[in-house]
């Protein structure tokens, strides 16, 4: 890491910890000379295990001698992490693409100026991974490209500017992403509404099972029977069907919310495919009463155009 005490700063200061009238600790800043700011610190002791630390502003405006305590250590660590990140970013911008991608490096041992005097182990790989040749290479290729500079020239030596996506392309891509997000959300909701057999068939396709294995799993006797079940399932995952089904599901939720508690319980029993006798036992009434309520509830769904969801 760069020795930042050798750099020039516009201002040098020392942070000193003191106590105010109420006995509360606070930090005060005193302007000093460069020699006073960067004077060697005392060695850590059992009473004060903290080392002497400094704060260096990245723009070289100010350097601060920090107090030897927990707060000074925290300020030093935050500043050190920031400075290291800036240095790494600067090195990456200056680095040649060939250092990170061997295929982009045009220099090998065969055409290297140092091949007569080089004895590095990289000769076994024809120069791959060698950094010594970088000091003599004139074919440096930056990893970063300026947006307003040409990327080369054509046959007539006219500059070739980079071709970036237009606003229409970006808008189209954004719309596609939104549609994809909507589709996956609808598919997630659709899976919850599949019955056991449909979910089993969906998992078979998702696990990329062969047609023969699926037919054996479901005891399909003919290809036609298999194709009919597949077609019925696939239709449920088209965008049009998903949207229509989602809208109908919202309408069903709205209709169910208007039902009485007894009607809601009856509806959920019907959706769970409970037998009439079991429902009658649950409600503690005669079977005929459940059949009457069943028909009355079905008429409400027919009136709302949602008979297939009953």
C-alpha atoms as a PDB file:
ATOM      1  CA  UNK A   1       0.000   0.000   0.000  1.00  0.00           C
ATOM      2  CA  UNK A   2       1.137   3.535  -0.752  1.00  0.00           C
ATOM      3  CA  UNK A   3       3.058   5.299   2.046  1.00  0.00           C
ATOM      4  CA  UNK A   4       0.730   8.276   2.473  1.00  0.00           C
ATOM      5  CA  UNK A   5       2.959  10.108   4.945  1.00  0.00           C
ATOM      6  CA  UNK A   6       5.281  10.941   2.049  1.00  0.00           C
ATOM      7  CA  UNK A   7       2.496  12.842   0.279  1.00  0.00           C
ATOM      8  CA  UNK A   8       1.753  16.527   0.754  1.00  0.00           C
ATOM      9  CA  UNK A   9      -1.496  17.599   2.460  1.00  0.00           C
ATOM     10  CA  UNK A  10      -3.026  21.062   2.592  1.00  0.00           C
ATOM     11  CA  UNK A  11      -3.625  20.831   6.335  1.00  0.00           C
ATOM     12  CA  UNK A  12      -2.332  18.771   9.280  1.00  0.00           C
ATOM     13  CA  UNK A  13      -4.227  18.283  12.542  1.00  0.00           C
ATOM     14  CA  UNK A  14      -4.220  16.310  15.789  1.00  0.00           C
ATOM     15  CA  UNK A  15      -7.342  14.947  17.468  1.00  0.00           C
ATOM     16  CA  UNK A  16      -7.155  15.080  21.265  1.00  0.00           C
ATOM     17  CA  UNK A  17      -9.659  13.547  23.651  1.00  0.00           C
ATOM     18  CA  UNK A  18     -10.671  15.843  26.529  1.00  0.00           C
ATOM     19  CA  UNK A  19     -13.485  16.193  29.081  1.00  0.00           C
ATOM     20  CA  UNK A  20     -15.975  19.050  29.231  1.00  0.00           C
ATOM     21  CA  UNK A  21     -17.443  20.690  32.347  1.00  0.00           C
ATOM     22  CA  UNK A  22     -19.937  17.854  32.799  1.00  0.00           C
ATOM     23  CA  UNK A  23     -17.217  15.219  32.666  1.00  0.00           C
ATOM     24  CA  UNK A  24     -18.243  13.929  29.243  1.00  0.00           C
ATOM     25  CA  UNK A  25     -15.465  12.998  26.820  1.00  0.00           C
ATOM     26  CA  UNK A  26     -15.169  14.862  23.528  1.00  0.00           C
ATOM     27  CA  UNK A  27     -12.632  15.242  20.692  1.00  0.00           C
ATOM     28  CA  UNK A  28     -10.999  18.547  19.802  1.00  0.00           C
ATOM     29  CA  UNK A  29      -8.921  19.272  16.681  1.00  0.00           C
ATOM     30  CA  UNK A  30      -5.683  21.268  16.762  1.00  0.00           C
ATOM     31  CA  UNK A  31      -3.835  22.520  13.690  1.00  0.00           C
ATOM     32  CA  UNK A  32      -0.149  21.457  13.698  1.00  0.00           C
ATOM     33  CA  UNK A  33       2.849  21.105  11.390  1.00  0.00           C
ATOM     34  CA  UNK A  34       3.590  18.071   9.240  1.00  0.00           C
ATOM     35  CA  UNK A  35       6.454  16.999  11.557  1.00  0.00           C
ATOM     36  CA  UNK A  36       4.214  17.175  14.637  1.00  0.00           C
ATOM     37  CA  UNK A  37       1.404  15.305  12.888  1.00  0.00           C
ATOM     38  CA  UNK A  38       3.590  12.451  11.626  1.00  0.00           C
ATOM     39  CA  UNK A  39       5.882  12.213  14.674  1.00  0.00           C
ATOM     40  CA  UNK A  40       6.457   8.593  15.795  1.00  0.00           C
ATOM     41  CA  UNK A  41       3.813   7.367  18.218  1.00  0.00           C
ATOM     42  CA  UNK A  42       4.303   5.690  21.561  1.00  0.00           C
ATOM     43  CA  UNK A  43       4.448   1.903  21.681  1.00  0.00           C
ATOM     44  CA  UNK A  44       1.321   0.007  22.871  1.00  0.00           C
ATOM     45  CA  UNK A  45       1.327  -0.850  26.579  1.00  0.00           C
ATOM     46  CA  UNK A  46      -0.846  -2.914  28.889  1.00  0.00           C
ATOM     47  CA  UNK A  47      -2.679   0.271  29.934  1.00  0.00           C
ATOM     48  CA  UNK A  48      -3.183   1.426  26.325  1.00  0.00           C
ATOM     49  CA  UNK A  49      -2.933  -1.428  23.751  1.00  0.00           C
ATOM     50  CA  UNK A  50      -3.910   0.790  20.809  1.00  0.00           C
ATOM     51  CA  UNK A  51      -1.315   1.727  18.161  1.00  0.00           C
ATOM     52  CA  UNK A  52      -0.834   5.257  16.834  1.00  0.00           C
ATOM     53  CA  UNK A  53      -3.078   5.739  13.782  1.00  0.00           C
ATOM     54  CA  UNK A  54      -3.631   8.466  11.192  1.00  0.00           C
ATOM     55  CA  UNK A  55      -6.485   9.573   8.951  1.00  0.00           C
ATOM     56  CA  UNK A  56      -5.605  10.533   5.338  1.00  0.00           C
ATOM     57  CA  UNK A  57      -8.235  12.175   3.115  1.00  0.00           C
ATOM     58  CA  UNK A  58      -8.291  10.620  -0.392  1.00  0.00           C
ATOM     59  CA  UNK A  59      -8.112  14.096  -2.000  1.00  0.00           C
ATOM     60  CA  UNK A  60      -4.983  14.988   0.054  1.00  0.00           C
ATOM     61  CA  UNK A  61      -6.754  17.923   1.694  1.00  0.00           C
ATOM     62  CA  UNK A  62      -6.056  16.916   5.290  1.00  0.00           C
ATOM     63  CA  UNK A  63      -4.087  14.443   7.424  1.00  0.00           C
ATOM     64  CA  UNK A  64      -5.112  13.838  11.051  1.00  0.00           C
ATOM     65  CA  UNK A  65      -3.223  12.223  13.917  1.00  0.00           C
ATOM     66  CA  UNK A  66      -5.869  10.119  15.691  1.00  0.00           C
ATOM     67  CA  UNK A  67      -6.158   9.485  19.438  1.00  0.00           C
ATOM     68  CA  UNK A  68      -4.994   6.100  20.717  1.00  0.00           C
ATOM     69  CA  UNK A  69      -8.387   4.745  21.759  1.00  0.00           C
ATOM     70  CA  UNK A  70     -11.323   2.749  20.403  1.00  0.00           C
ATOM     71  CA  UNK A  71     -12.772   5.711  18.490  1.00  0.00           C
ATOM     72  CA  UNK A  72      -9.418   6.441  16.817  1.00  0.00           C
ATOM     73  CA  UNK A  73      -9.064   2.770  15.839  1.00  0.00           C
ATOM     74  CA  UNK A  74     -12.569   2.782  14.306  1.00  0.00           C
ATOM     75  CA  UNK A  75     -11.870   5.943  12.274  1.00  0.00           C
ATOM     76  CA  UNK A  76      -8.581   4.446  11.075  1.00  0.00           C
ATOM     77  CA  UNK A  77     -10.190   1.165   9.940  1.00  0.00           C
ATOM     78  CA  UNK A  78     -12.939   2.954   7.967  1.00  0.00           C
ATOM     79  CA  UNK A  79     -10.398   5.265   6.317  1.00  0.00           C
ATOM     80  CA  UNK A  80      -8.000   2.398   5.549  1.00  0.00           C
ATOM     81  CA  UNK A  81     -10.739   0.337   3.872  1.00  0.00           C
ATOM     82  CA  UNK A  82     -11.769   3.331   1.744  1.00  0.00           C
ATOM     83  CA  UNK A  83      -8.180   4.063   0.647  1.00  0.00           C
ATOM     84  CA  UNK A  84      -7.499   0.411  -0.239  1.00  0.00           C
ATOM     85  CA  UNK A  85     -10.689   0.265  -2.316  1.00  0.00           C
ATOM     86  CA  UNK A  86      -9.624   3.409  -4.222  1.00  0.00           C
ATOM     87  CA  UNK A  87      -6.152   1.946  -4.861  1.00  0.00           C
ATOM     88  CA  UNK A  88      -7.576  -1.359  -6.107  1.00  0.00           C
ATOM     89  CA  UNK A  89      -9.962   0.463  -8.425  1.00  0.00           C
ATOM     90  CA  UNK A  90      -7.123   2.636  -9.783  1.00  0.00           C
ATOM     91  CA  UNK A  91      -4.915  -0.413 -10.380  1.00  0.00           C
ATOM     92  CA  UNK A  92      -7.682  -2.219 -12.235  1.00  0.00           C
ATOM     93  CA  UNK A  93      -8.280   0.786 -14.491  1.00  0.00           C
ATOM     94  CA  UNK A  94      -4.571   0.986 -15.308  1.00  0.00           C
ATOM     95  CA  UNK A  95      -4.153  -2.772 -15.713  1.00  0.00           C
ATOM     96  CA  UNK A  96      -3.818  -4.460 -19.068  1.00  0.00           C
ATOM     97  CA  UNK A  97      -6.566  -6.862 -20.069  1.00  0.00           C
ATOM     98  CA  UNK A  98      -3.897  -9.461 -20.828  1.00  0.00           C
ATOM     99  CA  UNK A  99      -3.036  -9.723 -17.129  1.00  0.00           C
ATOM    100  CA  UNK A 100      -6.513 -11.081 -16.411  1.00  0.00           C
ATOM    101  CA  UNK A 101      -7.219 -12.866 -19.711  1.00  0.00           C
ATOM    102  CA  UNK A 102      -4.316 -14.793 -21.238  1.00  0.00           C
ATOM    103  CA  UNK A 103      -6.113 -15.063 -24.585  1.00  0.00           C
ATOM    104  CA  UNK A 104      -5.989 -11.262 -24.970  1.00  0.00           C
ATOM    105  CA  UNK A 105      -2.233 -11.043 -24.404  1.00  0.00           C
ATOM    106  CA  UNK A 106      -0.327 -10.930 -27.761  1.00  0.00           C
ATOM    107  CA  UNK A 107       3.093 -11.572 -26.178  1.00  0.00           C
ATOM    108  CA  UNK A 108       4.373 -15.117 -25.793  1.00  0.00           C
ATOM    109  CA  UNK A 109       7.856 -16.462 -25.086  1.00  0.00           C
ATOM    110  CA  UNK A 110       8.487 -16.824 -28.834  1.00  0.00           C
ATOM    111  CA  UNK A 111       8.134 -13.083 -29.560  1.00  0.00           C
ATOM    112  CA  UNK A 112       9.233 -11.719 -26.169  1.00  0.00           C
ATOM    113  CA  UNK A 113      12.284  -9.414 -26.025  1.00  0.00           C
ATOM    114  CA  UNK A 114      13.461 -11.176 -22.862  1.00  0.00           C
ATOM    115  CA  UNK A 115      13.425 -14.725 -24.198  1.00  0.00           C
ATOM    116  CA  UNK A 116      17.234 -14.933 -24.457  1.00  0.00           C
ATOM    117  CA  UNK A 117      17.845 -14.044 -20.795  1.00  0.00           C
ATOM    118  CA  UNK A 118      14.635 -15.152 -19.091  1.00  0.00           C
ATOM    119  CA  UNK A 119      14.652 -18.219 -16.869  1.00  0.00           C
ATOM    120  CA  UNK A 120      11.177 -17.942 -15.320  1.00  0.00           C
ATOM    121  CA  UNK A 121       8.968 -20.998 -14.922  1.00  0.00           C
ATOM    122  CA  UNK A 122       6.395 -19.347 -17.216  1.00  0.00           C
ATOM    123  CA  UNK A 123       8.443 -20.515 -20.203  1.00  0.00           C
ATOM    124  CA  UNK A 124       6.789 -23.919 -19.758  1.00  0.00           C
ATOM    125  CA  UNK A 125       3.407 -22.340 -20.563  1.00  0.00           C
ATOM    126  CA  UNK A 126       4.820 -20.135 -23.356  1.00  0.00           C
ATOM    127  CA  UNK A 127       4.541 -16.985 -21.234  1.00  0.00           C
ATOM    128  CA  UNK A 128       1.027 -17.443 -19.845  1.00  0.00           C
ATOM    129  CA  UNK A 129       0.756 -15.651 -16.511  1.00  0.00           C
ATOM    130  CA  UNK A 130       4.130 -13.917 -16.860  1.00  0.00           C
ATOM    131  CA  UNK A 131       4.188 -10.333 -15.576  1.00  0.00           C
ATOM    132  CA  UNK A 132       7.832  -9.544 -16.328  1.00  0.00           C
ATOM    133  CA  UNK A 133       7.076  -9.045 -20.031  1.00  0.00           C
ATOM    134  CA  UNK A 134       4.538  -6.307 -19.191  1.00  0.00           C
ATOM    135  CA  UNK A 135       7.372  -3.814 -18.680  1.00  0.00           C
ATOM    136  CA  UNK A 136       8.490  -4.254 -22.327  1.00  0.00           C
ATOM    137  CA  UNK A 137       5.093  -4.680 -23.994  1.00  0.00           C
ATOM    138  CA  UNK A 138       3.729  -1.894 -26.226  1.00  0.00           C
ATOM    139  CA  UNK A 139       0.439  -3.701 -26.978  1.00  0.00           C
ATOM    140  CA  UNK A 140      -1.322  -2.732 -23.752  1.00  0.00           C
ATOM    141  CA  UNK A 141      -5.115  -3.086 -23.919  1.00  0.00           C
ATOM    142  CA  UNK A 142      -7.125  -1.387 -21.205  1.00  0.00           C
ATOM    143  CA  UNK A 143      -9.843  -3.337 -19.433  1.00  0.00           C
ATOM    144  CA  UNK A 144     -12.075  -0.251 -19.520  1.00  0.00           C
ATOM    145  CA  UNK A 145     -13.354   1.553 -22.585  1.00  0.00           C
ATOM    146  CA  UNK A 146     -14.268   5.219 -22.776  1.00  0.00           C
ATOM    147  CA  UNK A 147     -17.824   5.864 -23.949  1.00  0.00           C
ATOM    148  CA  UNK A 148     -16.894   8.837 -26.146  1.00  0.00           C
ATOM    149  CA  UNK A 149     -13.674   7.554 -27.734  1.00  0.00           C
ATOM    150  CA  UNK A 150     -13.366   5.522 -30.973  1.00  0.00           C
ATOM    151  CA  UNK A 151     -12.701   1.797 -30.644  1.00  0.00           C
ATOM    152  CA  UNK A 152     -10.696   1.645 -33.896  1.00  0.00           C
ATOM    153  CA  UNK A 153     -10.623   2.762 -37.522  1.00  0.00           C
ATOM    154  CA  UNK A 154     -12.128   1.408 -40.739  1.00  0.00           C
ATOM    155  CA  UNK A 155     -10.353   0.784 -44.066  1.00  0.00           C
ATOM    156  CA  UNK A 156     -10.423   4.517 -44.860  1.00  0.00           C
ATOM    157  CA  UNK A 157      -8.916   5.290 -41.425  1.00  0.00           C
ATOM    158  CA  UNK A 158     -12.138   6.872 -40.215  1.00  0.00           C
ATOM    159  CA  UNK A 159     -12.770   6.453 -36.491  1.00  0.00           C
ATOM    160  CA  UNK A 160     -15.269   3.779 -35.460  1.00  0.00           C
ATOM    161  CA  UNK A 161     -17.381   4.831 -32.494  1.00  0.00           C
ATOM    162  CA  UNK A 162     -18.890   2.213 -30.149  1.00  0.00           C
ATOM    163  CA  UNK A 163     -22.499   1.249 -30.885  1.00  0.00           C
ATOM    164  CA  UNK A 164     -24.561   1.317 -27.704  1.00  0.00           C
ATOM    165  CA  UNK A 165     -28.162   0.343 -27.109  1.00  0.00           C
ATOM    166  CA  UNK A 166     -30.704   3.009 -28.009  1.00  0.00           C
ATOM    167  CA  UNK A 167     -33.413   4.213 -25.639  1.00  0.00           C
ATOM    168  CA  UNK A 168     -35.950   2.157 -27.636  1.00  0.00           C
ATOM    169  CA  UNK A 169     -33.887  -1.007 -27.114  1.00  0.00           C
ATOM    170  CA  UNK A 170     -33.590  -0.314 -23.387  1.00  0.00           C
ATOM    171  CA  UNK A 171     -37.338   0.333 -23.132  1.00  0.00           C
ATOM    172  CA  UNK A 172     -38.098  -2.899 -25.026  1.00  0.00           C
ATOM    173  CA  UNK A 173     -35.742  -4.840 -22.738  1.00  0.00           C
ATOM    174  CA  UNK A 174     -37.384  -3.309 -19.665  1.00  0.00           C
ATOM    175  CA  UNK A 175     -40.879  -4.213 -20.898  1.00  0.00           C
ATOM    176  CA  UNK A 176     -39.711  -7.788 -21.556  1.00  0.00           C
ATOM    177  CA  UNK A 177     -38.278  -8.026 -18.044  1.00  0.00           C
ATOM    178  CA  UNK A 178     -41.535  -6.773 -16.569  1.00  0.00           C
ATOM    179  CA  UNK A 179     -43.507  -9.327 -18.600  1.00  0.00           C
ATOM    180  CA  UNK A 180     -41.162 -12.098 -17.491  1.00  0.00           C
ATOM    181  CA  UNK A 181     -41.554 -11.026 -13.867  1.00  0.00           C
ATOM    182  CA  UNK A 182     -45.339 -10.977 -14.240  1.00  0.00           C
ATOM    183  CA  UNK A 183     -45.297 -14.421 -15.899  1.00  0.00           C
ATOM    184  CA  UNK A 184     -43.267 -16.027 -13.108  1.00  0.00           C
ATOM    185  CA  UNK A 185     -45.499 -14.469 -10.461  1.00  0.00           C
ATOM    186  CA  UNK A 186     -48.580 -15.852 -12.234  1.00  0.00           C
ATOM    187  CA  UNK A 187     -46.953 -19.272 -12.594  1.00  0.00           C
ATOM    188  CA  UNK A 188     -46.226 -19.283  -8.863  1.00  0.00           C
ATOM    189  CA  UNK A 189     -49.900 -18.598  -8.145  1.00  0.00           C
ATOM    190  CA  UNK A 190     -50.982 -21.170 -10.746  1.00  0.00           C
ATOM    191  CA  UNK A 191     -48.989 -23.970  -9.086  1.00  0.00           C
ATOM    192  CA  UNK A 192     -50.980 -23.462  -5.887  1.00  0.00           C
ATOM    193  CA  UNK A 193     -54.241 -24.127  -7.742  1.00  0.00           C
ATOM    194  CA  UNK A 194     -53.150 -27.385  -9.422  1.00  0.00           C
ATOM    195  CA  UNK A 195     -54.670 -30.623  -8.146  1.00  0.00           C
ATOM    196  CA  UNK A 196     -52.463 -33.541  -7.053  1.00  0.00           C
ATOM    197  CA  UNK A 197     -52.363 -35.275 -10.453  1.00  0.00           C
ATOM    198  CA  UNK A 198     -51.616 -32.041 -12.327  1.00  0.00           C
ATOM    199  CA  UNK A 199     -48.844 -31.194  -9.863  1.00  0.00           C
ATOM    200  CA  UNK A 200     -47.330 -34.669 -10.284  1.00  0.00           C
ATOM    201  CA  UNK A 201     -47.401 -34.269 -14.062  1.00  0.00           C
ATOM    202  CA  UNK A 202     -45.874 -30.780 -13.794  1.00  0.00           C
ATOM    203  CA  UNK A 203     -42.998 -32.115 -11.669  1.00  0.00           C
ATOM    204  CA  UNK A 204     -42.395 -34.894 -14.210  1.00  0.00           C
ATOM    205  CA  UNK A 205     -41.959 -32.328 -16.985  1.00  0.00           C
ATOM    206  CA  UNK A 206     -39.892 -30.084 -14.702  1.00  0.00           C
ATOM    207  CA  UNK A 207     -37.551 -33.002 -13.927  1.00  0.00           C
ATOM    208  CA  UNK A 208     -37.278 -33.722 -17.690  1.00  0.00           C
ATOM    209  CA  UNK A 209     -38.594 -37.274 -17.435  1.00  0.00           C
ATOM    210  CA  UNK A 210     -38.944 -39.199 -20.679  1.00  0.00           C
ATOM    211  CA  UNK A 211     -42.357 -39.802 -22.284  1.00  0.00           C
ATOM    212  CA  UNK A 212     -42.101 -43.523 -21.539  1.00  0.00           C
ATOM    213  CA  UNK A 213     -41.441 -42.925 -17.838  1.00  0.00           C
ATOM    214  CA  UNK A 214     -44.337 -40.460 -17.572  1.00  0.00           C
ATOM    215  CA  UNK A 215     -46.742 -42.867 -19.303  1.00  0.00           C
ATOM    216  CA  UNK A 216     -45.652 -45.617 -16.910  1.00  0.00           C
ATOM    217  CA  UNK A 217     -46.048 -43.280 -13.920  1.00  0.00           C
ATOM    218  CA  UNK A 218     -49.650 -42.351 -14.836  1.00  0.00           C
ATOM    219  CA  UNK A 219     -50.627 -45.647 -16.523  1.00  0.00           C
ATOM    220  CA  UNK A 220     -51.396 -43.911 -19.813  1.00  0.00           C
ATOM    221  CA  UNK A 221     -52.264 -46.584 -22.396  1.00  0.00           C
ATOM    222  CA  UNK A 222     -51.815 -44.509 -25.574  1.00  0.00           C
ATOM    223  CA  UNK A 223     -49.798 -41.542 -26.802  1.00  0.00           C
ATOM    224  CA  UNK A 224     -53.046 -39.713 -27.458  1.00  0.00           C
ATOM    225  CA  UNK A 225     -54.019 -39.918 -23.791  1.00  0.00           C
ATOM    226  CA  UNK A 226     -50.590 -38.600 -22.777  1.00  0.00           C
ATOM    227  CA  UNK A 227     -50.739 -35.721 -25.288  1.00  0.00           C
ATOM    228  CA  UNK A 228     -54.213 -34.674 -24.121  1.00  0.00           C
ATOM    229  CA  UNK A 229     -53.087 -34.420 -20.503  1.00  0.00           C
ATOM    230  CA  UNK A 230     -49.934 -32.565 -21.549  1.00  0.00           C
ATOM    231  CA  UNK A 231     -51.913 -30.121 -23.717  1.00  0.00           C
ATOM    232  CA  UNK A 232     -54.391 -29.421 -20.915  1.00  0.00           C
ATOM    233  CA  UNK A 233     -51.551 -28.707 -18.501  1.00  0.00           C
ATOM    234  CA  UNK A 234     -49.499 -26.589 -20.910  1.00  0.00           C
ATOM    235  CA  UNK A 235     -52.516 -24.420 -21.763  1.00  0.00           C
ATOM    236  CA  UNK A 236     -52.663 -23.377 -18.125  1.00  0.00           C
ATOM    237  CA  UNK A 237     -49.164 -21.919 -18.387  1.00  0.00           C
ATOM    238  CA  UNK A 238     -49.717 -19.676 -21.413  1.00  0.00           C
ATOM    239  CA  UNK A 239     -49.579 -15.945 -20.635  1.00  0.00           C
ATOM    240  CA  UNK A 240     -53.141 -15.352 -21.843  1.00  0.00           C
ATOM    241  CA  UNK A 241     -54.611 -18.162 -19.738  1.00  0.00           C
ATOM    242  CA  UNK A 242     -52.579 -17.150 -16.688  1.00  0.00           C
ATOM    243  CA  UNK A 243     -53.771 -13.545 -16.881  1.00  0.00           C
ATOM    244  CA  UNK A 244     -57.407 -14.544 -17.389  1.00  0.00           C
ATOM    245  CA  UNK A 245     -57.190 -17.125 -14.615  1.00  0.00           C
ATOM    246  CA  UNK A 246     -55.531 -14.618 -12.291  1.00  0.00           C
ATOM    247  CA  UNK A 247     -58.275 -12.086 -12.947  1.00  0.00           C
ATOM    248  CA  UNK A 248     -60.930 -14.765 -12.302  1.00  0.00           C
ATOM    249  CA  UNK A 249     -59.163 -15.843  -9.099  1.00  0.00           C
ATOM    250  CA  UNK A 250     -59.311 -12.237  -7.900  1.00  0.00           C
ATOM    251  CA  UNK A 251     -63.026 -12.142  -8.751  1.00  0.00           C
ATOM    252  CA  UNK A 252     -63.565 -15.411  -6.855  1.00  0.00           C
ATOM    253  CA  UNK A 253     -61.772 -13.978  -3.799  1.00  0.00           C
ATOM    254  CA  UNK A 254     -63.987 -10.916  -3.980  1.00  0.00           C
ATOM    255  CA  UNK A 255     -67.157 -13.043  -4.219  1.00  0.00           C
ATOM    256  CA  UNK A 256     -66.096 -15.349  -1.360  1.00  0.00           C
ATOM    257  CA  UNK A 257     -65.427 -12.323   0.864  1.00  0.00           C
ATOM    258  CA  UNK A 258     -69.115 -11.322   0.494  1.00  0.00           C
ATOM    259  CA  UNK A 259     -70.392 -14.737   1.654  1.00  0.00           C
ATOM    260  CA  UNK A 260     -71.495 -15.481   5.190  1.00  0.00           C
ATOM    261  CA  UNK A 261     -69.093 -17.464   7.425  1.00  0.00           C
ATOM    262  CA  UNK A 262     -71.175 -20.644   6.959  1.00  0.00           C
ATOM    263  CA  UNK A 263     -71.195 -20.203   3.170  1.00  0.00           C
ATOM    264  CA  UNK A 264     -67.418 -19.615   3.131  1.00  0.00           C
ATOM    265  CA  UNK A 265     -66.849 -22.805   5.124  1.00  0.00           C
ATOM    266  CA  UNK A 266     -69.153 -24.724   2.769  1.00  0.00           C
ATOM    267  CA  UNK A 267     -67.297 -23.323  -0.269  1.00  0.00           C
ATOM    268  CA  UNK A 268     -63.905 -24.435   1.090  1.00  0.00           C
ATOM    269  CA  UNK A 269     -65.309 -27.899   1.836  1.00  0.00           C
ATOM    270  CA  UNK A 270     -66.525 -28.157  -1.767  1.00  0.00           C
ATOM    271  CA  UNK A 271     -63.180 -26.929  -3.175  1.00  0.00           C
ATOM    272  CA  UNK A 272     -61.412 -29.583  -1.063  1.00  0.00           C
ATOM    273  CA  UNK A 273     -63.689 -32.208  -2.687  1.00  0.00           C
ATOM    274  CA  UNK A 274     -65.254 -33.393   0.564  1.00  0.00           C
ATOM    275  CA  UNK A 275     -68.177 -35.785   0.275  1.00  0.00           C
ATOM    276  CA  UNK A 276     -71.691 -34.484   1.010  1.00  0.00           C
ATOM    277  CA  UNK A 277     -72.114 -36.865   3.950  1.00  0.00           C
ATOM    278  CA  UNK A 278     -68.826 -35.670   5.504  1.00  0.00           C
ATOM    279  CA  UNK A 279     -69.893 -32.024   5.064  1.00  0.00           C
ATOM    280  CA  UNK A 280     -73.287 -32.796   6.646  1.00  0.00           C
ATOM    281  CA  UNK A 281     -71.545 -34.385   9.646  1.00  0.00           C
ATOM    282  CA  UNK A 282     -69.278 -31.343   9.980  1.00  0.00           C
ATOM    283  CA  UNK A 283     -72.240 -28.919   9.941  1.00  0.00           C
ATOM    284  CA  UNK A 284     -74.406 -31.219  12.065  1.00  0.00           C
ATOM    285  CA  UNK A 285     -77.367 -31.099   9.633  1.00  0.00           C
ATOM    286  CA  UNK A 286     -79.161 -33.488   7.286  1.00  0.00           C
ATOM    287  CA  UNK A 287     -77.674 -34.303   3.867  1.00  0.00           C
ATOM    288  CA  UNK A 288     -80.678 -32.733   2.099  1.00  0.00           C
ATOM    289  CA  UNK A 289     -79.971 -29.432   3.851  1.00  0.00           C
ATOM    290  CA  UNK A 290     -76.368 -29.448   2.576  1.00  0.00           C
ATOM    291  CA  UNK A 291     -77.552 -30.217  -0.967  1.00  0.00           C
ATOM    292  CA  UNK A 292     -79.979 -27.275  -0.789  1.00  0.00           C
ATOM    293  CA  UNK A 293     -77.256 -24.892   0.474  1.00  0.00           C
ATOM    294  CA  UNK A 294     -74.856 -26.304  -2.132  1.00  0.00           C
ATOM    295  CA  UNK A 295     -77.257 -25.481  -4.979  1.00  0.00           C
ATOM    296  CA  UNK A 296     -78.006 -22.027  -3.540  1.00  0.00           C
ATOM    297  CA  UNK A 297     -74.269 -21.251  -3.362  1.00  0.00           C
ATOM    298  CA  UNK A 298     -73.674 -22.577  -6.890  1.00  0.00           C
ATOM    299  CA  UNK A 299     -76.286 -20.166  -8.278  1.00  0.00           C
ATOM    300  CA  UNK A 300     -74.323 -17.227  -6.820  1.00  0.00           C
ATOM    301  CA  UNK A 301     -71.223 -18.344  -8.724  1.00  0.00           C
ATOM    302  CA  UNK A 302     -73.254 -18.838 -11.921  1.00  0.00           C
ATOM    303  CA  UNK A 303     -74.684 -15.325 -11.606  1.00  0.00           C
ATOM    304  CA  UNK A 304     -71.110 -13.960 -11.306  1.00  0.00           C
ATOM    305  CA  UNK A 305     -69.948 -15.967 -14.357  1.00  0.00           C
ATOM    306  CA  UNK A 306     -67.614 -18.094 -12.194  1.00  0.00           C
ATOM    307  CA  UNK A 307     -69.330 -21.487 -12.355  1.00  0.00           C
ATOM    308  CA  UNK A 308     -66.098 -23.321 -13.326  1.00  0.00           C
ATOM    309  CA  UNK A 309     -64.471 -22.067 -10.097  1.00  0.00           C
ATOM    310  CA  UNK A 310     -67.187 -23.564  -7.903  1.00  0.00           C
END
